[in-house]
Amino acid sequence: MRKDTQFYKLIEKICKEKGIQMRDASFGYITELKKGNKIHHMVGESLELNSACSYKIASDKFACYSVLVQNEIPSIKYNMIFNPETRSNYENNDMKKAMILFEQYGRKVILKANSSSEGKDVFYITNKELLKTKIIEEFANNKDSVSICPFYNIGYEYRAIFLDGEIIFCFKKEKPYVLGNGKKTIRELTESLNIIDFYDDLDFGYIPKENEKVYVSWKHNLVSGGVPELEIDNNTRIKVCDLAKKAGQAIGIKFASIDIAETDKNELLVMEINSNVCMNKFAESISNGLQIEYEIFSNAIDKMFEA
């Protein structure tokens, strides 16, 4: 990891304050953390807290979904589609299965690579030919499998930080939007925004009225233009944290960020569990974000050295 990154400097500050020595290995990909006679590691931005099994479960969206459902935890539905070149011993005719699911889910689906993160390799699809094309592209890019999910109309996404059986922080994410001024088109209002995926049917020529809020993307990811908010009503916070806590415990993970979707039917569903906790974009987007990130990773490093 480059030493000039915000995250490395954050860990460096925490370790200095705690009397932890740091040194790099494998061209900086591995960072050794040593305190007294205890040695732990950071690989990339992943702290040495999670077991290999829990890490692998969280890193595979369908596998994680399967474990959560088995434990009766409300979750967004995932359906596995295997790459016939690399996983032919699992299922045949998976492309046909994908087309059946597309119709079954009302011709609106989300296609995800099972190992995707930060909104990468995630597509909202309303066209059967495009679905087929995207699956072929993902397989050509050495993806062993993808998942097809029904499209949920999601108002907010919540991210809960799970550490050693407890939720230590929670915030919500709103979809990217613009506020009209009665003069500029949506195209003009979005020019300065970092939006990766717009709604397919978005009218870029439309001029929103003064203070009219127009959602322009279906992705809540902060790197895709999502908006983080700290204010959550207490009743919702309790429900989100309870669900996230059960999800983390179900897969046996120790340190993770857990994403919960709130649908237009007021359902709370686990979207995914991220074994690699990343708060960089959040820290940049909130006035006290760096302090929040510092406290989260300071607690995580304390837990790591308790073992």
Foldseek 3Di string as FASTA:
>chain_A
DDCPDPLNVLVVVLCVVVVWDWDADPVRQKIWTDDDPDIWIQGNLFGPAWDPQLQVCQQFQQSLVVLCVVVVFFAFDKDKQFQCVPPVVPDPPSLVVVLVVCVVLPQWKWKAQRRDPLCPRIDTGNDSVVVSVSVVVCVVVVRGIMIITRDFAFAKKKKFKFAQLFTPAMWIKGAAKFFADQPAFQLVRCPPAQADDFPPPDDRRDGDYGRDIDGTHRDRRLNRRIAIDRDDDPVVVVVQRVSQSVSCVSSPTGTWMWMWTQGPVRDTHTHGIGSRDDQVSVLVRDPNSSVVVSVSVSVNVVVVVVD
